[in-house]
């Protein structure tokens, strides 16, 4: 009986650890960066507000699944980070 409980506990700890690591990896994926020199001046559309604007040196950018997303404000970054697949098109 103790062996079965230990096995169940071990599997539970493994699953919780795996989920924690996976969550950390996703958070690391969504790192905000400054635009590259070549990106400055291009027209972008905020994936959250769907507003068009010109990329400036201060425009926040997140690279997600091979695409760069440009944001009009910090609150849009938070919305995107909370559910990136909703806004990634």
Protein backbone atom coordinates (compact mmCIF):
# COMPACT_ATOMS: atom_id res chain seq x y z
CA UNK A 1 0.00 0.00 0.00
CA UNK A 2 2.82 2.40 0.88
CA UNK A 3 4.56 1.58 -2.40
CA UNK A 4 1.43 2.45 -4.41
CA UNK A 5 1.00 5.74 -2.55
CA UNK A 6 4.66 6.60 -3.10
CA UNK A 7 4.30 5.82 -6.83
CA UNK A 8 1.20 8.01 -7.12
CA UNK A 9 2.94 10.81 -5.22
CA UNK A 10 6.02 10.55 -7.45
CA UNK A 11 3.95 10.73 -10.63
CA UNK A 12 2.02 13.71 -9.24
CA UNK A 13 5.23 15.59 -8.42
CA UNK A 14 6.59 14.80 -11.89
CA UNK A 15 3.44 16.14 -13.58
CA UNK A 16 3.36 19.33 -11.52
CA UNK A 17 7.06 19.95 -12.20
CA UNK A 18 6.59 19.33 -15.92
CA UNK A 19 3.66 21.75 -16.08
CA UNK A 20 5.63 24.39 -14.18
CA UNK A 21 8.59 24.07 -16.54
CA UNK A 22 6.31 24.21 -19.59
CA UNK A 23 4.65 27.36 -18.27
CA UNK A 24 8.04 28.94 -17.70
CA UNK A 25 9.11 28.08 -21.24
CA UNK A 26 6.00 29.75 -22.65
CA UNK A 27 6.63 32.86 -20.58
CA UNK A 28 10.20 32.99 -21.87
CA UNK A 29 8.90 32.69 -25.44
CA UNK A 30 6.91 35.88 -25.03
CA UNK A 31 9.75 38.30 -24.45
CA UNK A 32 9.25 41.94 -25.39
CA UNK A 33 12.00 43.45 -27.50
CA UNK A 34 12.77 46.73 -29.24
CA UNK A 35 12.26 46.84 -33.01
CA UNK A 36 15.25 46.28 -35.25
CA UNK A 37 16.50 49.24 -37.28
CA UNK A 38 15.02 47.71 -40.44
CA UNK A 39 11.56 47.48 -38.78
CA UNK A 40 11.40 51.15 -37.79
CA UNK A 41 9.11 53.14 -40.07
CA UNK A 42 7.10 50.20 -41.38
CA UNK A 43 3.33 50.15 -41.00
CA UNK A 44 2.11 47.62 -38.44
CA UNK A 45 -1.22 46.54 -37.01
CA UNK A 46 -1.62 45.92 -33.29
CA UNK A 47 -2.96 42.35 -32.98
CA UNK A 48 -5.10 43.28 -29.96
CA UNK A 49 -6.61 46.66 -30.92
CA UNK A 50 -6.40 46.06 -34.68
CA UNK A 51 -5.12 49.63 -35.10
CA UNK A 52 -2.54 50.61 -37.70
CA UNK A 53 0.51 52.65 -36.77
CA UNK A 54 4.08 53.33 -37.80
CA UNK A 55 6.74 51.36 -35.91
CA UNK A 56 8.99 53.64 -33.86
CA UNK A 57 12.10 52.95 -31.77
CA UNK A 58 9.89 52.66 -28.68
CA UNK A 59 7.36 50.24 -30.22
CA UNK A 60 7.23 46.98 -28.23
CA UNK A 61 7.61 43.79 -30.26
CA UNK A 62 7.03 40.13 -29.39
CA UNK A 63 8.23 37.33 -31.62
CA UNK A 64 5.80 34.41 -31.39
CA UNK A 65 5.83 31.24 -33.50
CA UNK A 66 8.03 32.83 -36.14
CA UNK A 67 6.07 36.08 -36.50
CA UNK A 68 6.82 39.51 -35.06
CA UNK A 69 3.87 41.27 -33.41
CA UNK A 70 3.97 45.04 -32.82
CA UNK A 71 1.92 46.64 -30.05
CA UNK A 72 0.43 50.10 -29.66
CA UNK A 73 0.56 50.06 -25.83
CA UNK A 74 1.57 48.04 -22.77
CA UNK A 75 -1.94 46.84 -21.97
CA UNK A 76 -2.08 45.16 -25.39
CA UNK A 77 1.12 43.30 -24.52
CA UNK A 78 -0.50 41.92 -21.37
CA UNK A 79 -3.61 40.81 -23.28
CA UNK A 80 -1.44 39.10 -25.90
CA UNK A 81 0.68 37.33 -23.28
CA UNK A 82 -2.44 36.03 -21.53
CA UNK A 83 -3.77 34.41 -24.71
CA UNK A 84 -1.31 34.66 -27.60
CA UNK A 85 -3.08 32.14 -29.85
CA UNK A 86 -6.24 34.27 -29.74
CA UNK A 87 -4.40 37.24 -31.27
CA UNK A 88 -1.83 35.47 -33.45
CA UNK A 89 -3.15 35.28 -36.97
